[in-house]
Amino acid sequence: MSRSAEGTDALGRLRARAQRRSIPRPGETCELCSEAITEEHGHLVNVETRSLLCVCSGCFLPFTPGGAGGRTYRAVPQRYRRLDGGAYLEAAWEALQIPVDIAFLFFNSALEKLLTFYPGPAGATGPHLPAGAWDEMTKALSLREVLQPDVEALLLARRDGVSVCYLVPIDACYELVGRMRRLWRGFDGGKDVANEIDAFFDMLATRVERDAAADGPP
């Protein structure tokens, strides 16, 4: 099977998965109230542990901005945007020096700092970066004003030699990490990982276009 055919097959699997999201999944329940949930359900982030909870809509809403929920959990929004990182993206790769061309970063409110991770065979790995490594890009992209702490991330990638930058929900990053970890083979992950990455970024592009169309002209 050719690489393009394999990529198309992976995208087809993602579309089939999306079609199943409205169907209740046997045995899958809200992790707060035990109500049955569908595949397309909301997530809460534990600010201190950075873990995700699968929740029903009733438990999701109180933790949205303005809700009555506590400070431990925050609802993960579903906002997708493509940002122009310009020359700062190239400088970012020089600072990271990681074995894959994907990384994501987000503000952690408990630690009051910007955290960086990249996906690999062991899951999400945090590289040791020099102090201030992201300062210029953070200022250039106004990340503190753009990203919601704990629940949104900046996803950086090199795609066919071009650096791209997306604002995505934090659970999308963990989903990508999980897929890559399950499929990883050898040193660079193998063709299955490459196909899943292609399908994931095809999904991102589609989602960005859909959100932009829903928002309408500026």
N, C-alpha and C. Protein backbone atom coordinates (compact mmCIF):
# COMPACT_ATOMS: atom_id res chain seq x y z
N MET A 1 0.85 -1.20 0.00
CA MET A 1 0.00 0.00 0.00
C MET A 1 0.88 1.24 0.00
N SER A 2 0.56 2.24 -0.83
CA SER A 2 1.35 3.45 -0.91
C SER A 2 1.15 4.29 0.34
N ARG A 3 2.07 5.25 0.57
CA ARG A 3 1.98 6.15 1.73
C ARG A 3 0.69 6.96 1.70
N SER A 4 0.32 7.45 0.49
CA SER A 4 -0.91 8.25 0.37
C SER A 4 -2.13 7.41 0.68
N ALA A 5 -2.13 6.15 0.23
CA ALA A 5 -3.27 5.26 0.51
C ALA A 5 -3.35 4.95 1.99
N GLU A 6 -2.18 4.75 2.62
CA GLU A 6 -2.17 4.48 4.05
C GLU A 6 -2.68 5.67 4.83
N GLY A 7 -2.29 6.89 4.39
CA GLY A 7 -2.78 8.10 5.06
C GLY A 7 -4.28 8.25 4.91
N THR A 8 -4.79 7.92 3.73
CA THR A 8 -6.24 7.99 3.50
C THR A 8 -6.98 6.99 4.38
N ASP A 9 -6.38 5.80 4.55
CA ASP A 9 -6.99 4.78 5.39
C ASP A 9 -7.04 5.25 6.85
N ALA A 10 -5.97 5.88 7.31
CA ALA A 10 -5.95 6.39 8.69
C ALA A 10 -6.99 7.48 8.87
N LEU A 11 -7.13 8.37 7.88
CA LEU A 11 -8.14 9.42 7.97
C LEU A 11 -9.53 8.82 7.99
N GLY A 12 -9.73 7.74 7.20
CA GLY A 12 -11.03 7.07 7.21
C GLY A 12 -11.37 6.51 8.57
N ARG A 13 -10.36 5.99 9.27
CA ARG A 13 -10.60 5.47 10.62
C ARG A 13 -11.01 6.59 11.56
N LEU A 14 -10.39 7.77 11.40
CA LEU A 14 -10.76 8.89 12.26
C LEU A 14 -12.19 9.33 11.99
N ARG A 15 -12.61 9.35 10.73
CA ARG A 15 -13.97 9.76 10.39
C ARG A 15 -14.98 8.76 10.93
N ALA A 16 -14.65 7.47 10.83
CA ALA A 16 -15.56 6.45 11.36
C ALA A 16 -15.69 6.59 12.87
N ARG A 17 -14.58 6.92 13.52
CA ARG A 17 -14.61 7.11 14.96
C ARG A 17 -15.50 8.29 15.32
N ALA A 18 -15.42 9.37 14.52
CA ALA A 18 -16.24 10.55 14.79
C ALA A 18 -17.73 10.24 14.65
N GLN A 19 -18.09 9.36 13.70
CA GLN A 19 -19.49 9.01 13.49
C GLN A 19 -20.06 8.22 14.67
N ARG A 20 -19.18 7.57 15.44
CA ARG A 20 -19.64 6.78 16.58
C ARG A 20 -19.76 7.58 17.87
N ARG A 21 -19.36 8.83 17.83
CA ARG A 21 -19.25 9.59 19.08
C ARG A 21 -20.58 9.91 19.74
N SER A 22 -21.67 9.89 18.99
CA SER A 22 -22.97 10.21 19.59
C SER A 22 -23.66 8.98 20.18
N ILE A 23 -23.04 7.81 20.05
CA ILE A 23 -23.64 6.56 20.55
C ILE A 23 -23.08 6.26 21.94
N PRO A 24 -23.94 6.06 22.93
CA PRO A 24 -23.45 5.71 24.28
C PRO A 24 -22.59 4.46 24.23
N ARG A 25 -21.48 4.49 24.94
CA ARG A 25 -20.56 3.37 24.94
C ARG A 25 -20.81 2.52 26.19
N PRO A 26 -21.09 1.24 26.02
CA PRO A 26 -21.37 0.37 27.17
C PRO A 26 -20.26 0.42 28.22
N GLY A 27 -20.65 0.69 29.45
CA GLY A 27 -19.68 0.69 30.55
C GLY A 27 -18.93 1.98 30.73
N GLU A 28 -19.02 2.95 29.79
CA GLU A 28 -18.29 4.20 29.94
C GLU A 28 -19.17 5.21 30.66
N THR A 29 -18.70 5.71 31.78
CA THR A 29 -19.50 6.61 32.60
C THR A 29 -18.71 7.85 32.99
N CYS A 30 -19.44 8.87 33.40
CA CYS A 30 -18.84 10.11 33.90
C CYS A 30 -18.01 9.79 35.14
N GLU A 31 -16.81 10.34 35.20
CA GLU A 31 -15.92 10.04 36.31
C GLU A 31 -16.22 10.85 37.57
N LEU A 32 -17.26 11.70 37.49
CA LEU A 32 -17.69 12.43 38.68
C LEU A 32 -19.01 11.91 39.23
N CYS A 33 -19.98 11.62 38.34
CA CYS A 33 -21.30 11.24 38.81
C CYS A 33 -21.74 9.85 38.36
N SER A 34 -20.94 9.17 37.53
CA SER A 34 -21.22 7.82 37.02
C SER A 34 -22.36 7.76 36.01
N GLU A 35 -22.79 8.90 35.47
CA GLU A 35 -23.80 8.92 34.40
C GLU A 35 -23.17 8.37 33.12
N ALA A 36 -23.96 7.63 32.33
CA ALA A 36 -23.46 7.10 31.07
C ALA A 36 -23.11 8.25 30.12
N ILE A 37 -22.00 8.11 29.39
CA ILE A 37 -21.58 9.15 28.46
C ILE A 37 -21.31 8.55 27.09
N THR A 38 -21.35 9.41 26.07
CA THR A 38 -21.06 9.00 24.70
C THR A 38 -19.57 9.20 24.43
N GLU A 39 -19.11 8.77 23.26
CA GLU A 39 -17.70 8.96 22.93
C GLU A 39 -17.37 10.45 22.83
N GLU A 40 -18.33 11.25 22.35
CA GLU A 40 -18.10 12.70 22.26
C GLU A 40 -18.56 13.34 23.57
N HIS A 41 -17.69 13.35 24.55
CA HIS A 41 -18.01 13.89 25.86
C HIS A 41 -16.95 14.92 26.25
N GLY A 42 -17.25 15.67 27.31
CA GLY A 42 -16.33 16.69 27.76
C GLY A 42 -15.24 16.16 28.66
N HIS A 43 -14.20 16.97 28.84
CA HIS A 43 -13.10 16.62 29.73
C HIS A 43 -12.84 17.74 30.71
N LEU A 44 -12.45 17.37 31.92
CA LEU A 44 -11.97 18.30 32.92
C LEU A 44 -10.49 18.03 33.17
N VAL A 45 -9.74 19.10 33.41
CA VAL A 45 -8.33 18.97 33.76
C VAL A 45 -8.17 19.23 35.25
N ASN A 46 -7.44 18.33 35.91
CA ASN A 46 -7.02 18.57 37.28
C ASN A 46 -5.80 19.47 37.21
N VAL A 47 -5.92 20.70 37.70
CA VAL A 47 -4.87 21.70 37.55
C VAL A 47 -3.57 21.26 38.20
N GLU A 48 -3.65 20.55 39.32
CA GLU A 48 -2.44 20.18 40.05
C GLU A 48 -1.74 18.96 39.46
N THR A 49 -2.51 17.95 39.06
CA THR A 49 -1.91 16.71 38.55
C THR A 49 -1.83 16.65 37.03
N ARG A 50 -2.56 17.56 36.34
CA ARG A 50 -2.65 17.63 34.88
C ARG A 50 -3.35 16.41 34.28
N SER A 51 -4.05 15.65 35.09
CA SER A 51 -4.80 14.49 34.59
C SER A 51 -6.15 14.93 34.05
N LEU A 52 -6.72 14.09 33.17
CA LEU A 52 -8.01 14.39 32.54
C LEU A 52 -9.10 13.49 33.11
N LEU A 53 -10.29 14.05 33.25
CA LEU A 53 -11.47 13.28 33.63
C LEU A 53 -12.48 13.34 32.51
N CYS A 54 -13.10 12.20 32.19
CA CYS A 54 -14.19 12.14 31.23
C CYS A 54 -15.49 12.41 31.98
N VAL A 55 -16.26 13.41 31.52
CA VAL A 55 -17.44 13.81 32.28
C VAL A 55 -18.65 14.02 31.36
N CYS A 56 -19.83 13.95 31.96
CA CYS A 56 -21.07 14.24 31.25
C CYS A 56 -21.26 15.76 31.16
N SER A 57 -22.25 16.20 30.38
CA SER A 57 -22.46 17.64 30.20
C SER A 57 -22.86 18.31 31.50
N GLY A 58 -23.61 17.61 32.35
CA GLY A 58 -24.03 18.18 33.62
C GLY A 58 -22.87 18.49 34.54
N CYS A 59 -21.84 17.65 34.51
CA CYS A 59 -20.66 17.87 35.34
C CYS A 59 -19.64 18.78 34.65
N PHE A 60 -19.73 18.90 33.33
CA PHE A 60 -18.80 19.73 32.57
C PHE A 60 -19.10 21.22 32.77
N LEU A 61 -20.37 21.59 32.67
CA LEU A 61 -20.75 23.01 32.65
C LEU A 61 -20.34 23.80 33.89
N PRO A 62 -20.44 23.26 35.10
CA PRO A 62 -20.04 24.06 36.27
C PRO A 62 -18.58 24.49 36.28
N PHE A 63 -17.74 23.80 35.49
CA PHE A 63 -16.32 24.11 35.50
C PHE A 63 -15.88 24.95 34.31
N THR A 64 -16.84 25.40 33.50
CA THR A 64 -16.55 26.35 32.44
C THR A 64 -16.37 27.73 33.04
N PRO A 65 -15.74 28.69 32.32
CA PRO A 65 -15.57 30.04 32.87
C PRO A 65 -16.91 30.63 33.32
N GLY A 66 -16.94 31.12 34.52
CA GLY A 66 -18.17 31.68 35.06
C GLY A 66 -19.03 30.67 35.78
N GLY A 67 -18.65 29.38 35.72
CA GLY A 67 -19.41 28.34 36.40
C GLY A 67 -19.13 28.34 37.89
N ALA A 68 -19.88 27.52 38.60
CA ALA A 68 -19.78 27.49 40.06
C ALA A 68 -18.82 26.42 40.57
N GLY A 69 -18.09 25.75 39.66
CA GLY A 69 -17.18 24.68 40.07
C GLY A 69 -16.01 25.20 40.89
N GLY A 70 -15.29 24.31 41.53
CA GLY A 70 -14.16 24.69 42.35
C GLY A 70 -12.93 25.01 41.53
N ARG A 71 -11.79 25.16 42.22
CA ARG A 71 -10.56 25.56 41.56
C ARG A 71 -9.70 24.38 41.12
N THR A 72 -10.02 23.19 41.57
CA THR A 72 -9.18 22.04 41.24
C THR A 72 -9.31 21.63 39.79
N TYR A 73 -10.52 21.72 39.24
CA TYR A 73 -10.78 21.28 37.87
C TYR A 73 -11.17 22.45 36.97
N ARG A 74 -10.83 22.32 35.69
CA ARG A 74 -11.24 23.29 34.68
C ARG A 74 -11.72 22.54 33.45
N ALA A 75 -12.79 23.06 32.85
CA ALA A 75 -13.36 22.44 31.65
C ALA A 75 -12.49 22.73 30.44
N VAL A 76 -12.26 21.71 29.62
CA VAL A 76 -11.45 21.87 28.41
C VAL A 76 -12.34 22.38 27.28
N PRO A 77 -12.06 23.57 26.73
CA PRO A 77 -12.87 24.09 25.61
C PRO A 77 -12.55 23.36 24.32
N GLN A 78 -13.28 23.65 23.28
CA GLN A 78 -13.06 23.02 21.97
C GLN A 78 -12.76 24.09 20.93
N ARG A 79 -11.70 24.84 21.16
CA ARG A 79 -11.31 25.91 20.26
C ARG A 79 -10.07 25.50 19.48
N TYR A 80 -10.13 25.66 18.15
CA TYR A 80 -9.02 25.31 17.28
C TYR A 80 -8.68 26.52 16.41
N ARG A 81 -7.41 26.92 16.41
CA ARG A 81 -6.95 28.04 15.60
C ARG A 81 -5.57 27.72 15.04
N ARG A 82 -5.27 28.28 13.87
CA ARG A 82 -3.90 28.20 13.36
C ARG A 82 -3.26 29.57 13.56
N LEU A 83 -2.06 29.59 14.14
CA LEU A 83 -1.36 30.83 14.43
C LEU A 83 -0.12 30.94 13.55
N ASP A 84 0.32 32.17 13.35
CA ASP A 84 1.51 32.43 12.55
C ASP A 84 2.69 32.63 13.49
N GLY A 85 3.52 31.61 13.63
CA GLY A 85 4.66 31.71 14.53
C GLY A 85 5.89 32.35 13.90
N GLY A 86 5.92 32.42 12.57
CA GLY A 86 7.03 33.05 11.87
C GLY A 86 8.38 32.47 12.24
N ALA A 87 9.38 33.35 12.33
CA ALA A 87 10.75 32.94 12.60
C ALA A 87 10.90 32.35 14.00
N TYR A 88 9.95 32.65 14.90
CA TYR A 88 10.06 32.15 16.27
C TYR A 88 9.93 30.63 16.32
N LEU A 89 9.21 30.05 15.36
CA LEU A 89 9.08 28.59 15.34
C LEU A 89 10.42 27.92 15.05
N GLU A 90 11.17 28.48 14.13
CA GLU A 90 12.47 27.90 13.83
C GLU A 90 13.40 27.99 15.04
N ALA A 91 13.34 29.12 15.74
CA ALA A 91 14.15 29.27 16.96
C ALA A 91 13.71 28.27 18.02
N ALA A 92 12.41 27.96 18.03
CA ALA A 92 11.88 27.00 19.01
C ALA A 92 12.48 25.62 18.79
N TRP A 93 12.58 25.18 17.54
CA TRP A 93 13.14 23.86 17.27
C TRP A 93 14.60 23.80 17.69
N GLU A 94 15.33 24.90 17.51
CA GLU A 94 16.73 24.92 17.93
C GLU A 94 16.84 24.76 19.44
N ALA A 95 15.89 25.37 20.17
CA ALA A 95 15.91 25.29 21.63
C ALA A 95 15.50 23.90 22.13
N LEU A 96 14.55 23.28 21.42
CA LEU A 96 14.02 21.99 21.87
C LEU A 96 15.02 20.85 21.71
N GLN A 97 15.59 20.74 20.50
CA GLN A 97 16.53 19.66 20.19
C GLN A 97 15.94 18.29 20.58
N ILE A 98 14.75 18.01 20.07
CA ILE A 98 14.05 16.77 20.39
C ILE A 98 14.05 15.85 19.16
N PRO A 99 13.83 14.53 19.36
CA PRO A 99 13.93 13.58 18.25
C PRO A 99 12.72 13.53 17.32
N VAL A 100 11.65 14.23 17.65
CA VAL A 100 10.48 14.26 16.78
C VAL A 100 10.14 15.70 16.47
N ASP A 101 9.39 15.90 15.38
CA ASP A 101 9.06 17.25 14.94
C ASP A 101 7.69 17.70 15.43
N ILE A 102 7.35 17.33 16.66
CA ILE A 102 6.09 17.73 17.27
C ILE A 102 6.35 18.07 18.74
N ALA A 103 5.76 19.16 19.21
CA ALA A 103 5.83 19.51 20.62
C ALA A 103 4.61 20.35 20.97
N PHE A 104 4.25 20.36 22.24
CA PHE A 104 3.17 21.23 22.68
C PHE A 104 3.51 21.88 24.00
N LEU A 105 3.02 23.08 24.21
CA LEU A 105 3.31 23.82 25.42
C LEU A 105 2.04 24.49 25.93
N PHE A 106 1.97 24.64 27.25
CA PHE A 106 0.80 25.26 27.86
C PHE A 106 1.20 25.88 29.20
N PHE A 107 0.39 26.82 29.68
CA PHE A 107 0.63 27.45 30.96
C PHE A 107 -0.03 26.61 32.06
N ASN A 108 0.76 26.25 33.06
CA ASN A 108 0.22 25.53 34.20
C ASN A 108 0.04 26.52 35.34
N SER A 109 -1.20 26.70 35.78
CA SER A 109 -1.48 27.71 36.79
C SER A 109 -0.98 27.33 38.17
N ALA A 110 -0.89 26.02 38.45
CA ALA A 110 -0.40 25.59 39.76
C ALA A 110 1.09 25.91 39.91
N LEU A 111 1.85 25.71 38.82
CA LEU A 111 3.29 25.99 38.85
C LEU A 111 3.62 27.41 38.41
N GLU A 112 2.62 28.07 37.79
CA GLU A 112 2.79 29.43 37.27
C GLU A 112 3.95 29.50 36.28
N LYS A 113 3.98 28.54 35.35
CA LYS A 113 5.03 28.53 34.34
C LYS A 113 4.54 27.84 33.08
N LEU A 114 5.28 28.07 32.01
CA LEU A 114 5.00 27.44 30.72
C LEU A 114 5.69 26.08 30.68
N LEU A 115 4.92 25.02 30.40
CA LEU A 115 5.47 23.67 30.33
C LEU A 115 5.52 23.20 28.89
N THR A 116 6.53 22.41 28.55
CA THR A 116 6.71 21.90 27.19
C THR A 116 6.84 20.38 27.21
N PHE A 117 6.17 19.72 26.26
CA PHE A 117 6.24 18.27 26.14
C PHE A 117 6.31 17.88 24.68
N TYR A 118 6.83 16.67 24.43
CA TYR A 118 6.76 16.11 23.08
C TYR A 118 6.36 14.65 23.18
N PRO A 119 5.65 14.13 22.17
CA PRO A 119 5.19 12.74 22.21
C PRO A 119 6.27 11.78 21.76
N GLY A 120 6.22 10.56 22.33
CA GLY A 120 7.18 9.54 21.95
C GLY A 120 6.76 8.18 22.47
N PRO A 121 7.62 7.20 22.40
CA PRO A 121 7.26 5.84 22.81
C PRO A 121 6.94 5.71 24.29
N ALA A 122 7.41 6.63 25.12
CA ALA A 122 7.14 6.58 26.56
C ALA A 122 5.98 7.49 26.96
N GLY A 123 5.31 8.09 25.97
CA GLY A 123 4.23 9.03 26.27
C GLY A 123 4.70 10.45 26.10
N ALA A 124 4.20 11.37 26.95
CA ALA A 124 4.60 12.77 26.87
C ALA A 124 5.86 13.00 27.68
N THR A 125 6.90 13.52 27.04
CA THR A 125 8.19 13.76 27.68
C THR A 125 8.46 15.26 27.75
N GLY A 126 8.93 15.72 28.89
CA GLY A 126 9.25 17.14 29.05
C GLY A 126 10.75 17.36 28.94
N PRO A 127 11.22 18.01 27.87
CA PRO A 127 12.66 18.25 27.73
C PRO A 127 13.14 19.31 28.72
N HIS A 128 14.41 19.26 29.05
CA HIS A 128 15.00 20.27 29.93
C HIS A 128 15.43 21.45 29.05
N LEU A 129 14.74 22.56 29.21
CA LEU A 129 15.03 23.74 28.39
C LEU A 129 15.73 24.80 29.21
N PRO A 130 16.59 25.60 28.56
CA PRO A 130 17.22 26.70 29.30
C PRO A 130 16.19 27.73 29.72
N ALA A 131 16.48 28.43 30.82
CA ALA A 131 15.57 29.45 31.32
C ALA A 131 15.32 30.50 30.25
N GLY A 132 14.07 30.85 30.07
CA GLY A 132 13.71 31.89 29.10
C GLY A 132 13.68 31.43 27.66
N ALA A 133 13.71 30.10 27.42
CA ALA A 133 13.77 29.59 26.05
C ALA A 133 12.58 30.04 25.21
N TRP A 134 11.41 30.20 25.85
CA TRP A 134 10.22 30.55 25.11
C TRP A 134 9.86 32.04 25.22
N ASP A 135 10.68 32.83 25.89
CA ASP A 135 10.28 34.21 26.19
C ASP A 135 9.91 35.02 24.95
N GLU A 136 10.76 34.95 23.90
CA GLU A 136 10.51 35.77 22.71
C GLU A 136 9.24 35.34 22.00
N MET A 137 9.05 34.01 21.85
CA MET A 137 7.86 33.54 21.16
C MET A 137 6.60 33.83 21.98
N THR A 138 6.71 33.69 23.31
CA THR A 138 5.56 33.98 24.17
C THR A 138 5.11 35.42 24.00
N LYS A 139 6.07 36.33 23.92
CA LYS A 139 5.73 37.74 23.74
C LYS A 139 5.22 38.01 22.33
N ALA A 140 5.88 37.41 21.32
CA ALA A 140 5.50 37.67 19.93
C ALA A 140 4.10 37.19 19.62
N LEU A 141 3.71 36.04 20.17
CA LEU A 141 2.38 35.48 19.90
C LEU A 141 1.36 35.87 20.96
N SER A 142 1.79 36.69 21.94
CA SER A 142 0.90 37.10 23.05
C SER A 142 0.23 35.88 23.68
N LEU A 143 1.04 34.85 23.96
CA LEU A 143 0.49 33.58 24.42
C LEU A 143 -0.26 33.71 25.74
N ARG A 144 0.20 34.57 26.63
CA ARG A 144 -0.48 34.70 27.92
C ARG A 144 -1.89 35.26 27.75
N GLU A 145 -2.09 36.02 26.68
CA GLU A 145 -3.42 36.55 26.41
C GLU A 145 -4.25 35.59 25.57
N VAL A 146 -3.59 34.76 24.76
CA VAL A 146 -4.27 33.88 23.81
C VAL A 146 -4.67 32.55 24.44
N LEU A 147 -3.72 31.90 25.12
CA LEU A 147 -3.97 30.57 25.66
C LEU A 147 -4.67 30.63 27.01
N GLN A 148 -5.71 29.81 27.16
CA GLN A 148 -6.32 29.65 28.47
C GLN A 148 -5.44 28.69 29.29
N PRO A 149 -5.01 29.09 30.49
CA PRO A 149 -4.12 28.23 31.28
C PRO A 149 -4.72 26.86 31.53
N ASP A 150 -3.88 25.84 31.49
CA ASP A 150 -4.22 24.47 31.85
C ASP A 150 -5.06 23.71 30.82
N VAL A 151 -5.89 24.39 30.05
CA VAL A 151 -6.86 23.70 29.20
C VAL A 151 -6.60 23.86 27.71
N GLU A 152 -5.71 24.77 27.31
CA GLU A 152 -5.37 24.96 25.90
C GLU A 152 -3.86 24.91 25.73
N ALA A 153 -3.44 24.46 24.55
CA ALA A 153 -2.01 24.30 24.29
C ALA A 153 -1.65 24.87 22.93
N LEU A 154 -0.38 25.18 22.77
CA LEU A 154 0.18 25.55 21.48
C LEU A 154 0.87 24.30 20.94
N LEU A 155 0.38 23.79 19.82
CA LEU A 155 0.92 22.59 19.20
C LEU A 155 1.83 23.00 18.05
N LEU A 156 3.09 22.66 18.15
CA LEU A 156 4.09 23.01 17.13
C LEU A 156 4.48 21.76 16.36
N ALA A 157 4.68 21.92 15.07
CA ALA A 157 5.08 20.76 14.27
C ALA A 157 5.81 21.21 13.01
N ARG A 158 6.64 20.31 12.50
CA ARG A 158 7.23 20.50 11.18
C ARG A 158 6.55 19.54 10.24
N ARG A 159 5.91 20.08 9.21
CA ARG A 159 5.16 19.28 8.27
C ARG A 159 5.73 19.51 6.87
N ASP A 160 6.38 18.48 6.30
CA ASP A 160 6.99 18.59 4.97
C ASP A 160 7.94 19.78 4.90
N GLY A 161 8.73 19.96 5.96
CA GLY A 161 9.73 21.02 5.98
C GLY A 161 9.21 22.38 6.37
N VAL A 162 7.91 22.49 6.64
CA VAL A 162 7.31 23.77 7.00
C VAL A 162 6.86 23.71 8.46
N SER A 163 7.20 24.73 9.24
CA SER A 163 6.79 24.78 10.63
C SER A 163 5.37 25.33 10.74
N VAL A 164 4.53 24.65 11.51
CA VAL A 164 3.15 25.09 11.71
C VAL A 164 2.87 25.21 13.19
N CYS A 165 1.83 25.97 13.51
CA CYS A 165 1.54 26.28 14.89
C CYS A 165 0.02 26.36 15.07
N TYR A 166 -0.53 25.53 15.96
CA TYR A 166 -1.96 25.49 16.21
C TYR A 166 -2.27 25.75 17.68
N LEU A 167 -3.34 26.46 17.94
CA LEU A 167 -3.92 26.53 19.26
C LEU A 167 -4.99 25.45 19.33
N VAL A 168 -4.88 24.53 20.32
CA VAL A 168 -5.78 23.39 20.39
C VAL A 168 -6.16 23.12 21.85
N PRO A 169 -7.26 22.38 22.08
CA PRO A 169 -7.57 21.93 23.44
C PRO A 169 -6.48 20.99 23.94
N ILE A 170 -6.18 21.03 25.22
CA ILE A 170 -5.11 20.20 25.77
C ILE A 170 -5.40 18.72 25.58
N ASP A 171 -6.68 18.32 25.57
CA ASP A 171 -6.98 16.89 25.41
C ASP A 171 -6.63 16.39 24.01
N ALA A 172 -6.63 17.30 23.01
CA ALA A 172 -6.21 16.90 21.67
C ALA A 172 -4.73 16.50 21.66
N CYS A 173 -3.93 17.21 22.45
CA CYS A 173 -2.50 16.88 22.53
C CYS A 173 -2.31 15.52 23.18
N TYR A 174 -3.04 15.27 24.26
CA TYR A 174 -2.90 13.99 24.94
C TYR A 174 -3.44 12.84 24.07
N GLU A 175 -4.45 13.14 23.25
CA GLU A 175 -4.96 12.12 22.34
C GLU A 175 -3.88 11.73 21.34
N LEU A 176 -3.18 12.73 20.79
CA LEU A 176 -2.10 12.46 19.85
C LEU A 176 -0.98 11.68 20.53
N VAL A 177 -0.63 12.06 21.74
CA VAL A 177 0.41 11.35 22.49
C VAL A 177 0.03 9.88 22.66
N GLY A 178 -1.24 9.62 23.02
CA GLY A 178 -1.70 8.26 23.21
C GLY A 178 -1.64 7.43 21.95
N ARG A 179 -2.04 8.01 20.84
CA ARG A 179 -1.99 7.28 19.56
C ARG A 179 -0.56 6.92 19.20
N MET A 180 0.34 7.89 19.34
CA MET A 180 1.72 7.64 18.96
C MET A 180 2.36 6.60 19.87
N ARG A 181 2.04 6.64 21.14
CA ARG A 181 2.62 5.68 22.08
C ARG A 181 2.16 4.25 21.75
N ARG A 182 0.88 4.09 21.40
CA ARG A 182 0.36 2.76 21.09
C ARG A 182 0.97 2.17 19.83
N LEU A 183 1.27 3.03 18.87
CA LEU A 183 1.71 2.55 17.56
C LEU A 183 3.22 2.59 17.36
N TRP A 184 3.94 3.19 18.28
CA TRP A 184 5.37 3.44 18.08
C TRP A 184 6.15 2.15 17.90
N ARG A 185 6.98 2.13 16.84
CA ARG A 185 7.86 1.00 16.57
C ARG A 185 9.23 1.55 16.15
N GLY A 186 10.29 0.93 16.68
CA GLY A 186 11.63 1.32 16.27
C GLY A 186 12.05 2.68 16.81
N PHE A 187 13.05 3.29 16.12
CA PHE A 187 13.61 4.55 16.59
C PHE A 187 12.71 5.74 16.29
N ASP A 188 12.13 5.78 15.07
CA ASP A 188 11.37 6.97 14.66
C ASP A 188 9.86 6.76 14.70
N GLY A 189 9.39 5.64 15.22
CA GLY A 189 7.95 5.40 15.32
C GLY A 189 7.40 4.50 14.25
N GLY A 190 7.98 4.53 13.06
CA GLY A 190 7.49 3.68 11.98
C GLY A 190 6.38 4.31 11.16
N LYS A 191 5.94 3.60 10.12
CA LYS A 191 4.97 4.15 9.17
C LYS A 191 3.59 4.32 9.78
N ASP A 192 3.22 3.46 10.75
CA ASP A 192 1.90 3.60 11.36
C ASP A 192 1.79 4.91 12.13
N VAL A 193 2.83 5.27 12.84
CA VAL A 193 2.84 6.56 13.54
C VAL A 193 2.80 7.71 12.55
N ALA A 194 3.58 7.61 11.48
CA ALA A 194 3.58 8.66 10.46
C ALA A 194 2.19 8.85 9.86
N ASN A 195 1.50 7.75 9.59
CA ASN A 195 0.15 7.84 9.03
C ASN A 195 -0.84 8.45 10.01
N GLU A 196 -0.73 8.09 11.29
CA GLU A 196 -1.62 8.65 12.30
C GLU A 196 -1.38 10.15 12.46
N ILE A 197 -0.14 10.57 12.40
CA ILE A 197 0.18 11.99 12.49
C ILE A 197 -0.40 12.74 11.30
N ASP A 198 -0.26 12.16 10.09
CA ASP A 198 -0.85 12.79 8.91
C ASP A 198 -2.36 12.95 9.07
N ALA A 199 -3.02 11.90 9.53
CA ALA A 199 -4.47 11.95 9.71
C ALA A 199 -4.85 12.96 10.78
N PHE A 200 -4.08 13.03 11.85
CA PHE A 200 -4.37 13.97 12.94
C PHE A 200 -4.29 15.41 12.44
N PHE A 201 -3.27 15.74 11.67
CA PHE A 201 -3.12 17.11 11.19
C PHE A 201 -4.11 17.42 10.07
N ASP A 202 -4.54 16.42 9.32
CA ASP A 202 -5.65 16.62 8.38
C ASP A 202 -6.91 16.99 9.16
N MET A 203 -7.15 16.30 10.28
CA MET A 203 -8.30 16.61 11.12
C MET A 203 -8.21 18.03 11.67
N LEU A 204 -6.99 18.43 12.11
CA LEU A 204 -6.81 19.78 12.64
C LEU A 204 -7.15 20.83 11.59
N ALA A 205 -6.65 20.64 10.38
CA ALA A 205 -6.91 21.61 9.31
C ALA A 205 -8.40 21.72 9.03
N THR A 206 -9.08 20.56 9.01
CA THR A 206 -10.52 20.56 8.77
C THR A 206 -11.25 21.27 9.90
N ARG A 207 -10.86 21.01 11.13
CA ARG A 207 -11.51 21.62 12.28
C ARG A 207 -11.29 23.13 12.30
N VAL A 208 -10.09 23.58 11.97
CA VAL A 208 -9.80 25.02 11.92
C VAL A 208 -10.68 25.71 10.88
N GLU A 209 -10.79 25.09 9.70
CA GLU A 209 -11.62 25.66 8.64
C GLU A 209 -13.09 25.71 9.08
N ARG A 210 -13.56 24.65 9.73
CA ARG A 210 -14.96 24.60 10.18
C ARG A 210 -15.24 25.66 11.22
N ASP A 211 -14.32 25.83 12.18
CA ASP A 211 -14.51 26.84 13.21
C ASP A 211 -14.48 28.24 12.64
N ALA A 212 -13.56 28.46 11.68
CA ALA A 212 -13.47 29.77 11.05
C ALA A 212 -14.75 30.11 10.30
N ALA A 213 -15.33 29.11 9.60
CA ALA A 213 -16.57 29.33 8.88
C ALA A 213 -17.73 29.60 9.84
N ALA A 214 -17.72 28.93 10.99
CA ALA A 214 -18.78 29.13 11.98
C ALA A 214 -18.69 30.51 12.60
N ASP A 215 -17.45 31.01 12.78
CA ASP A 215 -17.27 32.33 13.37
C ASP A 215 -17.68 33.45 12.42
N GLY A 216 -17.61 33.18 11.11
CA GLY A 216 -17.98 34.17 10.13
C GLY A 216 -16.88 35.20 9.90
N PRO A 217 -17.11 36.17 9.03
CA PRO A 217 -16.09 37.18 8.74
C PRO A 217 -15.83 38.06 9.95
N PRO A 218 -14.60 38.57 10.09
CA PRO A 218 -14.28 39.41 11.24
C PRO A 218 -15.06 40.71 11.21
